[in-house]
Amino acid sequence: MKILALLFFLTAIIYSSVGFGGGSTYTAILVLFDIDYRHIPVISLCCNIIVVTTGSVFYLRQGLLDKKLLGGLITFSIPMAFIGGSMPISEMVFVLILGLALLIASILLFIKPFEDSNVKRSINYWQTGILIGAPVGLLAGITGIGGGIFLAPILHLRALAKTRTIAATACMFILVNSLAGLMGQLVKLGSNLDQSFDMLVSLLALPFAVLIGGLIGNRIALKYFNAMQLRRMTALLVFIVAIRLLVRFINY
């Protein structure tokens, strides 16, 4: 338990520093620690919500959020996250989807982001919601993550907003999709819901670990690392975890 809590703590520091919640890595770590895969998304999403809530408050106070961009994205991502969270899948499929998703995310994170001067001024928010928000929301719901780790690199590559605006948008996107995905997961668990909460109680150290880690990441980490270094660190971490999950899938 101490090792698991430490890993969650370190993950929260790294991810919160770049506006993410860490749900993708929480989920992967729990899989690698042989936690019952049916309860993993609930645990991961609860931790995710804790971390991004503080980040969302910070970004809102700073006035960095593009409400139109976020509105277009979450209009389609929220229902898809709920649907994804409520979809019953086997452990093998769960590990495969998570491993492939993290592998793609690591590649996107390694790609150098655009310069703010190249931001496009004309955005079709509804089209962006359908083409980006909906599929990312569905993937987030299935895997039990918030989806920011996929959303942010895509927004960067398409030059849809400035760097800090993307971070704020991704953070809020993670929060609302984590809540929607959690609702879907709870519906899916049904009669097994008590077992999931028992599991969460037994791992009560994890929410406290990510709360402290998230607070540290939001305020301290960026003083010691620049944004690009943190992106590279996150990408490497995600890549290693993805490979381990895919190896696990092959060995099933």
Foldseek 3Di string as FASTA:
>chain_A
DVVLLVVLLQQLLLQLLLQFQNLLVQLLVCVVVVDPNLLSLLLSLLSSLLLLVVVLVVCVVVVLADVLLLVLQCVQLLVLLLVLLQDDDDPLVLLLLSLVVLQVLLVLLLDDFDALVPADDDDDNNVCNVVPNNVLSNSCLNNNFQSLSVQLSVCRVNRHHHSSNSSNSSSVSSNSSSVSSSNSSCNNCVVVNVVSVVVCVVVVSNSVSSNVSSVCNNPPPCVPDPNSVSSNVSSVSSNVSSVVSVVVSVVD
